[in-house]
């Protein structure tokens, strides 16, 4: 028997980030929400990878909310548009994290 290959899946995550010098967020914002697609063998791995990459990018991750895999989201009745699917496919193909959207917070 050959080695069993771990099955990577793409997880949809929303990461709240705070402010940090050099973070590139708008000047008056207090932080941001980042919609990310991250590959991993499970959600915990996807979250760890995402947090590590965001820290390397001089962002300050505070909280991560998971919204499941593509299959889980489809099973829940969500509609996933082709653009979003393409970003998910890219995250899977590159075994990486794709930041799909950034929404700054302003007080």
PDB file of N, CA and C in Angstrom:
ATOM      1  N   UNK A   1       0.828  -1.194   0.000  1.00  0.00           N
ATOM      2  CA  UNK A   1       0.000   0.000   0.000  1.00  0.00           C
ATOM      3  C   UNK A   1       0.871   1.255   0.000  1.00  0.00           C
ATOM      4  N   UNK A   2       0.486   2.221  -0.823  1.00  0.00           N
ATOM      5  CA  UNK A   2       1.228   3.474  -0.880  1.00  0.00           C
ATOM      6  C   UNK A   2       0.852   4.387   0.275  1.00  0.00           C
ATOM      7  N   UNK A   3       1.604   5.432   0.423  1.00  0.00           N
ATOM      8  CA  UNK A   3       1.310   6.402   1.482  1.00  0.00           C
ATOM      9  C   UNK A   3      -0.034   7.073   1.185  1.00  0.00           C
ATOM     10  N   UNK A   4      -0.817   7.235   2.214  1.00  0.00           N
ATOM     11  CA  UNK A   4      -2.104   7.901   2.003  1.00  0.00           C
ATOM     12  C   UNK A   4      -1.863   9.398   1.909  1.00  0.00           C
ATOM     13  N   UNK A   5      -2.433   9.982   0.882  1.00  0.00           N
ATOM     14  CA  UNK A   5      -2.241  11.402   0.642  1.00  0.00           C
ATOM     15  C   UNK A   5      -3.295  12.171   1.430  1.00  0.00           C
ATOM     16  N   UNK A   6      -2.862  13.191   2.164  1.00  0.00           N
ATOM     17  CA  UNK A   6      -3.830  13.981   2.919  1.00  0.00           C
ATOM     18  C   UNK A   6      -4.664  14.810   1.940  1.00  0.00           C
ATOM     19  N   UNK A   7      -5.916  14.933   2.234  1.00  0.00           N
ATOM     20  CA  UNK A   7      -6.832  15.637   1.347  1.00  0.00           C
ATOM     21  C   UNK A   7      -6.918  17.101   1.757  1.00  0.00           C
ATOM     22  N   UNK A   8      -6.311  17.944   0.966  1.00  0.00           N
ATOM     23  CA  UNK A   8      -6.387  19.380   1.213  1.00  0.00           C
ATOM     24  C   UNK A   8      -7.772  19.873   0.796  1.00  0.00           C
ATOM     25  N   UNK A   9      -8.326  20.757   1.590  1.00  0.00           N
ATOM     26  CA  UNK A   9      -9.573  21.413   1.234  1.00  0.00           C
ATOM     27  C   UNK A   9      -9.373  22.909   1.429  1.00  0.00           C
ATOM     28  N   UNK A  10     -10.274  23.689   0.852  1.00  0.00           N
ATOM     29  CA  UNK A  10     -10.196  25.136   1.019  1.00  0.00           C
ATOM     30  C   UNK A  10     -11.280  25.569   1.991  1.00  0.00           C
ATOM     31  N   UNK A  11     -10.865  26.341   2.975  1.00  0.00           N
ATOM     32  CA  UNK A  11     -11.761  26.857   4.000  1.00  0.00           C
ATOM     33  C   UNK A  11     -11.952  28.354   3.797  1.00  0.00           C
ATOM     34  N   UNK A  12     -13.176  28.804   4.009  1.00  0.00           N
ATOM     35  CA  UNK A  12     -13.476  30.239   3.969  1.00  0.00           C
ATOM     36  C   UNK A  12     -13.325  30.765   5.389  1.00  0.00           C
ATOM     37  N   UNK A  13     -12.461  31.757   5.542  1.00  0.00           N
ATOM     38  CA  UNK A  13     -12.187  32.348   6.855  1.00  0.00           C
ATOM     39  C   UNK A  13     -12.370  33.856   6.786  1.00  0.00           C
ATOM     40  N   UNK A  14     -12.862  34.436   7.866  1.00  0.00           N
ATOM     41  CA  UNK A  14     -12.867  35.891   8.000  1.00  0.00           C
ATOM     42  C   UNK A  14     -11.982  36.214   9.193  1.00  0.00           C
ATOM     43  N   UNK A  15     -10.954  37.027   8.937  1.00  0.00           N
ATOM     44  CA  UNK A  15      -9.977  37.366   9.963  1.00  0.00           C
ATOM     45  C   UNK A  15     -10.128  38.843  10.320  1.00  0.00           C
ATOM     46  N   UNK A  16     -10.341  39.113  11.604  1.00  0.00           N
ATOM     47  CA  UNK A  16     -10.336  40.497  12.082  1.00  0.00           C
ATOM     48  C   UNK A  16      -8.903  40.850  12.418  1.00  0.00           C
ATOM     49  N   UNK A  17      -8.439  41.974  11.893  1.00  0.00           N
ATOM     50  CA  UNK A  17      -7.084  42.440  12.189  1.00  0.00           C
ATOM     51  C   UNK A  17      -7.158  43.807  12.858  1.00  0.00           C
ATOM     52  N   UNK A  18      -6.210  44.044  13.757  1.00  0.00           N
ATOM     53  CA  UNK A  18      -6.091  45.349  14.404  1.00  0.00           C
ATOM     54  C   UNK A  18      -5.062  46.177  13.656  1.00  0.00           C
ATOM     55  N   UNK A  19      -4.677  47.292  14.260  1.00  0.00           N
ATOM     56  CA  UNK A  19      -3.691  48.161  13.623  1.00  0.00           C
ATOM     57  C   UNK A  19      -2.280  47.790  14.062  1.00  0.00           C
ATOM     58  N   UNK A  20      -1.352  47.997  13.149  1.00  0.00           N
ATOM     59  CA  UNK A  20       0.061  47.752  13.404  1.00  0.00           C
ATOM     60  C   UNK A  20       0.841  48.633  12.433  1.00  0.00           C
ATOM     61  N   UNK A  21       1.959  49.173  12.856  1.00  0.00           N
ATOM     62  CA  UNK A  21       2.789  50.004  11.987  1.00  0.00           C
ATOM     63  C   UNK A  21       3.116  49.253  10.708  1.00  0.00           C
ATOM     64  N   UNK A  22       2.895  49.903   9.560  1.00  0.00           N
ATOM     65  CA  UNK A  22       3.247  49.293   8.283  1.00  0.00           C
ATOM     66  C   UNK A  22       2.225  48.304   7.760  1.00  0.00           C
ATOM     67  N   UNK A  23       0.997  48.303   8.332  1.00  0.00           N
ATOM     68  CA  UNK A  23       0.013  47.303   7.922  1.00  0.00           C
ATOM     69  C   UNK A  23      -0.669  47.614   6.590  1.00  0.00           C
ATOM     70  N   UNK A  24      -0.521  48.853   6.103  1.00  0.00           N
ATOM     71  CA  UNK A  24      -1.087  49.188   4.804  1.00  0.00           C
ATOM     72  C   UNK A  24      -2.578  49.470   4.824  1.00  0.00           C
ATOM     73  N   UNK A  25      -3.192  49.478   6.000  1.00  0.00           N
ATOM     74  CA  UNK A  25      -4.623  49.778   6.089  1.00  0.00           C
ATOM     75  C   UNK A  25      -4.841  51.287   5.958  1.00  0.00           C
ATOM     76  N   UNK A  26      -6.060  51.701   5.591  1.00  0.00           N
ATOM     77  CA  UNK A  26      -6.329  53.143   5.480  1.00  0.00           C
ATOM     78  C   UNK A  26      -6.000  53.873   6.782  1.00  0.00           C
ATOM     79  N   UNK A  27      -5.490  55.091   6.640  1.00  0.00           N
ATOM     80  CA  UNK A  27      -4.948  55.854   7.758  1.00  0.00           C
ATOM     81  C   UNK A  27      -5.890  55.949   8.962  1.00  0.00           C
ATOM     82  N   UNK A  28      -7.159  56.228   8.730  1.00  0.00           N
ATOM     83  CA  UNK A  28      -8.083  56.464   9.837  1.00  0.00           C
ATOM     84  C   UNK A  28      -8.819  55.196  10.312  1.00  0.00           C
ATOM     85  N   UNK A  29      -8.522  54.051   9.693  1.00  0.00           N
ATOM     86  CA  UNK A  29      -9.239  52.838  10.090  1.00  0.00           C
ATOM     87  C   UNK A  29      -8.714  52.312  11.424  1.00  0.00           C
ATOM     88  N   UNK A  30      -9.583  51.562  12.101  1.00  0.00           N
ATOM     89  CA  UNK A  30      -9.215  50.975  13.399  1.00  0.00           C
ATOM     90  C   UNK A  30      -8.858  49.496  13.255  1.00  0.00           C
ATOM     91  N   UNK A  31      -8.942  48.998  12.042  1.00  0.00           N
ATOM     92  CA  UNK A  31      -8.666  47.589  11.763  1.00  0.00           C
ATOM     93  C   UNK A  31      -9.406  47.202  10.503  1.00  0.00           C
ATOM     94  N   UNK A  32      -9.534  45.897  10.257  1.00  0.00           N
ATOM     95  CA  UNK A  32     -10.215  45.449   9.051  1.00  0.00           C
ATOM     96  C   UNK A  32     -10.664  44.007   9.208  1.00  0.00           C
ATOM     97  N   UNK A  33     -11.600  43.633   8.351  1.00  0.00           N
ATOM     98  CA  UNK A  33     -11.992  42.229   8.216  1.00  0.00           C
ATOM     99  C   UNK A  33     -11.456  41.751   6.878  1.00  0.00           C
ATOM    100  N   UNK A  34     -10.781  40.614   6.882  1.00  0.00           N
ATOM    101  CA  UNK A  34     -10.231  40.043   5.656  1.00  0.00           C
ATOM    102  C   UNK A  34     -10.935  38.734   5.360  1.00  0.00           C
ATOM    103  N   UNK A  35     -11.544  38.648   4.177  1.00  0.00           N
ATOM    104  CA  UNK A  35     -12.139  37.386   3.727  1.00  0.00           C
ATOM    105  C   UNK A  35     -11.023  36.622   3.038  1.00  0.00           C
ATOM    106  N   UNK A  36     -10.734  35.420   3.555  1.00  0.00           N
ATOM    107  CA  UNK A  36      -9.626  34.624   3.034  1.00  0.00           C
ATOM    108  C   UNK A  36     -10.100  33.232   2.641  1.00  0.00           C
ATOM    109  N   UNK A  37      -9.438  32.681   1.650  1.00  0.00           N
ATOM    110  CA  UNK A  37      -9.606  31.278   1.299  1.00  0.00           C
ATOM    111  C   UNK A  37      -8.266  30.623   1.574  1.00  0.00           C
ATOM    112  N   UNK A  38      -8.283  29.606   2.433  1.00  0.00           N
ATOM    113  CA  UNK A  38      -7.033  28.988   2.870  1.00  0.00           C
ATOM    114  C   UNK A  38      -7.122  27.478   2.732  1.00  0.00           C
ATOM    115  N   UNK A  39      -6.066  26.877   2.184  1.00  0.00           N
ATOM    116  CA  UNK A  39      -6.060  25.424   2.064  1.00  0.00           C
ATOM    117  C   UNK A  39      -5.496  24.810   3.332  1.00  0.00           C
ATOM    118  N   UNK A  40      -5.972  23.598   3.605  1.00  0.00           N
ATOM    119  CA  UNK A  40      -5.476  22.871   4.765  1.00  0.00           C
ATOM    120  C   UNK A  40      -6.109  21.500   4.818  1.00  0.00           C
ATOM    121  N   UNK A  41      -5.498  20.591   5.585  1.00  0.00           N
ATOM    122  CA  UNK A  41      -6.094  19.265   5.746  1.00  0.00           C
ATOM    123  C   UNK A  41      -7.290  19.345   6.689  1.00  0.00           C
ATOM    124  N   UNK A  42      -7.301  20.370   7.530  1.00  0.00           N
ATOM    125  CA  UNK A  42      -8.459  20.641   8.378  1.00  0.00           C
ATOM    126  C   UNK A  42      -8.508  22.144   8.639  1.00  0.00           C
ATOM    127  N   UNK A  43      -9.590  22.581   9.268  1.00  0.00           N
ATOM    128  CA  UNK A  43      -9.762  24.022   9.472  1.00  0.00           C
ATOM    129  C   UNK A  43      -8.682  24.595  10.387  1.00  0.00           C
ATOM    130  N   UNK A  44      -8.265  23.819  11.390  1.00  0.00           N
ATOM    131  CA  UNK A  44      -7.230  24.305  12.309  1.00  0.00           C
ATOM    132  C   UNK A  44      -5.936  24.631  11.560  1.00  0.00           C
ATOM    133  N   UNK A  45      -5.552  23.759  10.621  1.00  0.00           N
ATOM    134  CA  UNK A  45      -4.335  24.019   9.839  1.00  0.00           C
ATOM    135  C   UNK A  45      -4.529  25.259   8.963  1.00  0.00           C
ATOM    136  N   UNK A  46      -5.697  25.392   8.353  1.00  0.00           N
ATOM    137  CA  UNK A  46      -5.976  26.557   7.504  1.00  0.00           C
ATOM    138  C   UNK A  46      -5.880  27.844   8.311  1.00  0.00           C
ATOM    139  N   UNK A  47      -6.407  27.822   9.526  1.00  0.00           N
ATOM    140  CA  UNK A  47      -6.358  29.007  10.400  1.00  0.00           C
ATOM    141  C   UNK A  47      -4.909  29.326  10.770  1.00  0.00           C
ATOM    142  N   UNK A  48      -4.133  28.308  11.171  1.00  0.00           N
ATOM    143  CA  UNK A  48      -2.718  28.534  11.548  1.00  0.00           C
ATOM    144  C   UNK A  48      -1.937  29.153  10.398  1.00  0.00           C
ATOM    145  N   UNK A  49      -2.104  28.582   9.188  1.00  0.00           N
ATOM    146  CA  UNK A  49      -1.395  29.098   8.012  1.00  0.00           C
ATOM    147  C   UNK A  49      -1.790  30.543   7.714  1.00  0.00           C
ATOM    148  N   UNK A  50      -3.082  30.819   7.798  1.00  0.00           N
ATOM    149  CA  UNK A  50      -3.577  32.161   7.503  1.00  0.00           C
ATOM    150  C   UNK A  50      -3.008  33.183   8.481  1.00  0.00           C
ATOM    151  N   UNK A  51      -3.056  32.860   9.766  1.00  0.00           N
ATOM    152  CA  UNK A  51      -2.533  33.771  10.795  1.00  0.00           C
ATOM    153  C   UNK A  51      -1.038  34.005  10.580  1.00  0.00           C
ATOM    154  N   UNK A  52      -0.286  32.940  10.279  1.00  0.00           N
ATOM    155  CA  UNK A  52       1.162  33.075  10.064  1.00  0.00           C
ATOM    156  C   UNK A  52       1.454  33.983   8.871  1.00  0.00           C
ATOM    157  N   UNK A  53       0.727  33.785   7.776  1.00  0.00           N
ATOM    158  CA  UNK A  53       0.963  34.597   6.578  1.00  0.00           C
ATOM    159  C   UNK A  53       0.595  36.058   6.814  1.00  0.00           C
ATOM    160  N   UNK A  54      -0.513  36.302   7.504  1.00  0.00           N
ATOM    161  CA  UNK A  54      -0.916  37.688   7.776  1.00  0.00           C
ATOM    162  C   UNK A  54       0.092  38.386   8.683  1.00  0.00           C
ATOM    163  N   UNK A  55       0.640  37.652   9.659  1.00  0.00           N
ATOM    164  CA  UNK A  55       1.669  38.242  10.530  1.00  0.00           C
ATOM    165  C   UNK A  55       2.913  38.595   9.720  1.00  0.00           C
ATOM    166  N   UNK A  56       3.282  37.726   8.766  1.00  0.00           N
ATOM    167  CA  UNK A  56       4.447  38.007   7.907  1.00  0.00           C
ATOM    168  C   UNK A  56       4.203  39.257   7.065  1.00  0.00           C
ATOM    169  N   UNK A  57       2.916  39.543   6.773  1.00  0.00           N
ATOM    170  CA  UNK A  57       2.560  40.704   5.953  1.00  0.00           C
ATOM    171  C   UNK A  57       2.352  41.958   6.818  1.00  0.00           C
ATOM    172  N   UNK A  58       2.865  41.934   8.049  1.00  0.00           N
ATOM    173  CA  UNK A  58       2.760  43.058   8.983  1.00  0.00           C
ATOM    174  C   UNK A  58       1.325  43.403   9.367  1.00  0.00           C
ATOM    175  N   UNK A  59       0.453  42.401   9.359  1.00  0.00           N
ATOM    176  CA  UNK A  59      -0.899  42.613   9.863  1.00  0.00           C
ATOM    177  C   UNK A  59      -0.994  42.032  11.267  1.00  0.00           C
ATOM    178  N   UNK A  60      -2.013  42.438  12.016  1.00  0.00           N
ATOM    179  CA  UNK A  60      -2.166  42.000  13.403  1.00  0.00           C
ATOM    180  C   UNK A  60      -3.473  41.227  13.571  1.00  0.00           C
ATOM    181  N   UNK A  61      -3.476  39.908  13.249  1.00  0.00           N
ATOM    182  CA  UNK A  61      -4.699  39.112  13.386  1.00  0.00           C
ATOM    183  C   UNK A  61      -5.173  39.055  14.836  1.00  0.00           C
ATOM    184  N   UNK A  62      -6.463  39.307  15.036  1.00  0.00           N
ATOM    185  CA  UNK A  62      -7.040  39.289  16.377  1.00  0.00           C
ATOM    186  C   UNK A  62      -7.989  38.104  16.563  1.00  0.00           C
ATOM    187  N   UNK A  63      -8.775  37.820  15.536  1.00  0.00           N
ATOM    188  CA  UNK A  63      -9.803  36.794  15.654  1.00  0.00           C
ATOM    189  C   UNK A  63     -10.054  36.181  14.286  1.00  0.00           C
ATOM    190  N   UNK A  64     -10.340  34.871  14.257  1.00  0.00           N
ATOM    191  CA  UNK A  64     -10.635  34.183  13.000  1.00  0.00           C
ATOM    192  C   UNK A  64     -11.974  33.464  13.141  1.00  0.00           C
ATOM    193  N   UNK A  65     -12.859  33.683  12.168  1.00  0.00           N
ATOM    194  CA  UNK A  65     -14.128  32.961  12.109  1.00  0.00           C
ATOM    195  C   UNK A  65     -14.100  32.058  10.889  1.00  0.00           C
ATOM    196  N   UNK A  66     -14.453  30.796  11.074  1.00  0.00           N
ATOM    197  CA  UNK A  66     -14.469  29.842   9.973  1.00  0.00           C
ATOM    198  C   UNK A  66     -15.870  29.664   9.431  1.00  0.00           C
ATOM    199  N   UNK A  67     -15.972  29.606   8.107  1.00  0.00           N
ATOM    200  CA  UNK A  67     -17.269  29.432   7.452  1.00  0.00           C
ATOM    201  C   UNK A  67     -17.342  28.135   6.663  1.00  0.00           C
ATOM    202  N   UNK A  68     -16.380  27.243   6.892  1.00  0.00           N
ATOM    203  CA  UNK A  68     -16.437  25.918   6.298  1.00  0.00           C
ATOM    204  C   UNK A  68     -15.787  25.808   4.927  1.00  0.00           C
ATOM    205  N   UNK A  69     -15.901  24.579   4.379  1.00  0.00           N
ATOM    206  CA  UNK A  69     -15.348  24.278   3.063  1.00  0.00           C
ATOM    207  C   UNK A  69     -16.365  24.642   1.988  1.00  0.00           C
ATOM    208  N   UNK A  70     -15.932  24.586   0.753  1.00  0.00           N
ATOM    209  CA  UNK A  70     -16.842  24.832  -0.377  1.00  0.00           C
ATOM    210  C   UNK A  70     -18.040  23.887  -0.299  1.00  0.00           C
ATOM    211  N   UNK A  71     -17.783  22.594  -0.092  1.00  0.00           N
ATOM    212  CA  UNK A  71     -18.870  21.613  -0.022  1.00  0.00           C
ATOM    213  C   UNK A  71     -19.837  21.916   1.121  1.00  0.00           C
ATOM    214  N   UNK A  72     -19.281  22.299   2.270  1.00  0.00           N
ATOM    215  CA  UNK A  72     -20.134  22.628   3.419  1.00  0.00           C
ATOM    216  C   UNK A  72     -20.990  23.860   3.131  1.00  0.00           C
ATOM    217  N   UNK A  73     -20.395  24.846   2.483  1.00  0.00           N
ATOM    218  CA  UNK A  73     -21.140  26.065   2.168  1.00  0.00           C
ATOM    219  C   UNK A  73     -22.231  25.790   1.137  1.00  0.00           C
ATOM    220  N   UNK A  74     -21.923  24.958   0.142  1.00  0.00           N
ATOM    221  CA  UNK A  74     -22.937  24.587  -0.856  1.00  0.00           C
ATOM    222  C   UNK A  74     -24.069  23.794  -0.199  1.00  0.00           C
ATOM    223  N   UNK A  75     -23.716  22.870   0.705  1.00  0.00           N
ATOM    224  CA  UNK A  75     -24.719  22.060   1.402  1.00  0.00           C
ATOM    225  C   UNK A  75     -25.636  22.937   2.252  1.00  0.00           C
ATOM    226  N   UNK A  76     -25.106  24.068   2.730  1.00  0.00           N
ATOM    227  CA  UNK A  76     -25.897  25.002   3.543  1.00  0.00           C
ATOM    228  C   UNK A  76     -26.776  25.902   2.669  1.00  0.00           C
ATOM    229  N   UNK A  77     -26.685  25.698   1.345  1.00  0.00           N
ATOM    230  CA  UNK A  77     -27.539  26.461   0.440  1.00  0.00           C
ATOM    231  C   UNK A  77     -26.946  27.775  -0.039  1.00  0.00           C
ATOM    232  N   UNK A  78     -25.665  28.009   0.259  1.00  0.00           N
ATOM    233  CA  UNK A  78     -25.028  29.246  -0.204  1.00  0.00           C
ATOM    234  C   UNK A  78     -24.773  29.175  -1.702  1.00  0.00           C
ATOM    235  N   UNK A  79     -24.863  30.322  -2.349  1.00  0.00           N
ATOM    236  CA  UNK A  79     -24.478  30.397  -3.754  1.00  0.00           C
ATOM    237  C   UNK A  79     -23.060  30.935  -3.812  1.00  0.00           C
ATOM    238  N   UNK A  80     -22.210  30.251  -4.544  1.00  0.00           N
ATOM    239  CA  UNK A  80     -20.807  30.639  -4.679  1.00  0.00           C
ATOM    240  C   UNK A  80     -20.605  31.042  -6.139  1.00  0.00           C
ATOM    241  N   UNK A  81     -20.280  32.312  -6.363  1.00  0.00           N
ATOM    242  CA  UNK A  81     -20.141  32.759  -7.755  1.00  0.00           C
ATOM    243  C   UNK A  81     -18.823  32.280  -8.358  1.00  0.00           C
ATOM    244  N   UNK A  82     -18.740  32.295  -9.702  1.00  0.00           N
ATOM    245  CA  UNK A  82     -17.542  31.772 -10.379  1.00  0.00           C
ATOM    246  C   UNK A  82     -16.248  32.465  -9.948  1.00  0.00           C
ATOM    247  N   UNK A  83     -16.314  33.761  -9.658  1.00  0.00           N
ATOM    248  CA  UNK A  83     -15.118  34.496  -9.233  1.00  0.00           C
ATOM    249  C   UNK A  83     -14.614  33.960  -7.892  1.00  0.00           C
ATOM    250  N   UNK A  84     -15.541  33.720  -6.968  1.00  0.00           N
ATOM    251  CA  UNK A  84     -15.173  33.194  -5.662  1.00  0.00           C
ATOM    252  C   UNK A  84     -14.619  31.778  -5.795  1.00  0.00           C
ATOM    253  N   UNK A  85     -15.241  30.962  -6.632  1.00  0.00           N
ATOM    254  CA  UNK A  85     -14.742  29.600  -6.874  1.00  0.00           C
ATOM    255  C   UNK A  85     -13.330  29.630  -7.456  1.00  0.00           C
ATOM    256  N   UNK A  86     -13.070  30.570  -8.352  1.00  0.00           N
ATOM    257  CA  UNK A  86     -11.739  30.674  -8.964  1.00  0.00           C
ATOM    258  C   UNK A  86     -10.686  30.980  -7.896  1.00  0.00           C
ATOM    259  N   UNK A  87     -11.023  31.850  -6.947  1.00  0.00           N
ATOM    260  CA  UNK A  87     -10.088  32.170  -5.868  1.00  0.00           C
ATOM    261  C   UNK A  87      -9.862  30.957  -4.969  1.00  0.00           C
ATOM    262  N   UNK A  88     -10.937  30.211  -4.719  1.00  0.00           N
ATOM    263  CA  UNK A  88     -10.809  28.983  -3.915  1.00  0.00           C
ATOM    264  C   UNK A  88      -9.923  27.970  -4.639  1.00  0.00           C
ATOM    265  N   UNK A  89     -10.145  27.819  -5.944  1.00  0.00           N
ATOM    266  CA  UNK A  89      -9.331  26.887  -6.736  1.00  0.00           C
ATOM    267  C   UNK A  89      -7.868  27.290  -6.692  1.00  0.00           C
ATOM    268  N   UNK A  90      -7.616  28.596  -6.751  1.00  0.00           N
ATOM    269  CA  UNK A  90      -6.235  29.092  -6.704  1.00  0.00           C
ATOM    270  C   UNK A  90      -5.592  28.760  -5.359  1.00  0.00           C
ATOM    271  N   UNK A  91      -6.329  28.974  -4.270  1.00  0.00           N
ATOM    272  CA  UNK A  91      -5.790  28.658  -2.938  1.00  0.00           C
ATOM    273  C   UNK A  91      -5.432  27.175  -2.855  1.00  0.00           C
ATOM    274  N   UNK A  92      -6.283  26.324  -3.425  1.00  0.00           N
ATOM    275  CA  UNK A  92      -6.039  24.878  -3.388  1.00  0.00           C
ATOM    276  C   UNK A  92      -4.843  24.510  -4.265  1.00  0.00           C
ATOM    277  N   UNK A  93      -4.818  25.049  -5.486  1.00  0.00           N
ATOM    278  CA  UNK A  93      -3.743  24.723  -6.432  1.00  0.00           C
ATOM    279  C   UNK A  93      -2.379  25.166  -5.907  1.00  0.00           C
ATOM    280  N   UNK A  94      -2.359  26.337  -5.252  1.00  0.00           N
ATOM    281  CA  UNK A  94      -1.091  26.886  -4.752  1.00  0.00           C
ATOM    282  C   UNK A  94      -0.810  26.458  -3.314  1.00  0.00           C
ATOM    283  N   UNK A  95      -1.746  25.709  -2.712  1.00  0.00           N
ATOM    284  CA  UNK A  95      -1.641  25.327  -1.302  1.00  0.00           C
ATOM    285  C   UNK A  95      -1.291  26.561  -0.469  1.00  0.00           C
ATOM    286  N   UNK A  96      -2.134  27.589  -0.610  1.00  0.00           N
ATOM    287  CA  UNK A  96      -1.804  28.857   0.013  1.00  0.00           C
ATOM    288  C   UNK A  96      -3.053  29.533   0.557  1.00  0.00           C
ATOM    289  N   UNK A  97      -2.872  30.792   0.911  1.00  0.00           N
ATOM    290  CA  UNK A  97      -3.948  31.626   1.421  1.00  0.00           C
ATOM    291  C   UNK A  97      -4.187  32.745   0.421  1.00  0.00           C
ATOM    292  N   UNK A  98      -5.432  32.926   0.020  1.00  0.00           N
ATOM    293  CA  UNK A  98      -5.801  34.018  -0.877  1.00  0.00           C
ATOM    294  C   UNK A  98      -6.688  34.976  -0.097  1.00  0.00           C
ATOM    295  N   UNK A  99      -6.264  36.242  -0.027  1.00  0.00           N
ATOM    296  CA  UNK A  99      -7.109  37.263   0.599  1.00  0.00           C
ATOM    297  C   UNK A  99      -8.026  37.797  -0.494  1.00  0.00           C
ATOM    298  N   UNK A 100      -9.319  37.516  -0.364  1.00  0.00           N
ATOM    299  CA  UNK A 100     -10.272  37.849  -1.416  1.00  0.00           C
ATOM    300  C   UNK A 100     -10.839  39.247  -1.260  1.00  0.00           C
ATOM    301  N   UNK A 101     -10.940  39.713  -0.020  1.00  0.00           N
ATOM    302  CA  UNK A 101     -11.584  40.997   0.215  1.00  0.00           C
ATOM    303  C   UNK A 101     -11.091  41.571   1.528  1.00  0.00           C
ATOM    304  N   UNK A 102     -10.924  42.900   1.566  1.00  0.00           N
ATOM    305  CA  UNK A 102     -10.561  43.584   2.815  1.00  0.00           C
ATOM    306  C   UNK A 102     -11.571  44.686   3.056  1.00  0.00           C
ATOM    307  N   UNK A 103     -12.191  44.677   4.219  1.00  0.00           N
ATOM    308  CA  UNK A 103     -13.151  45.708   4.601  1.00  0.00           C
ATOM    309  C   UNK A 103     -12.627  46.436   5.824  1.00  0.00           C
ATOM    310  N   UNK A 104     -12.141  47.681   5.652  1.00  0.00           N
ATOM    311  CA  UNK A 104     -11.617  48.428   6.800  1.00  0.00           C
ATOM    312  C   UNK A 104     -12.733  48.796   7.777  1.00  0.00           C
ATOM    313  N   UNK A 105     -12.379  48.891   9.060  1.00  0.00           N
ATOM    314  CA  UNK A 105     -13.296  49.368  10.094  1.00  0.00           C
ATOM    315  C   UNK A 105     -12.960  50.816  10.394  1.00  0.00           C
ATOM    316  N   UNK A 106     -13.991  51.612  10.598  1.00  0.00           N
ATOM    317  CA  UNK A 106     -13.810  52.998  11.036  1.00  0.00           C
ATOM    318  C   UNK A 106     -14.738  53.231  12.213  1.00  0.00           C
ATOM    319  N   UNK A 107     -14.225  53.854  13.272  1.00  0.00           N
ATOM    320  CA  UNK A 107     -15.101  54.124  14.432  1.00  0.00           C
ATOM    321  C   UNK A 107     -15.946  55.350  14.183  1.00  0.00           C
TER     322      UNK A 107
END
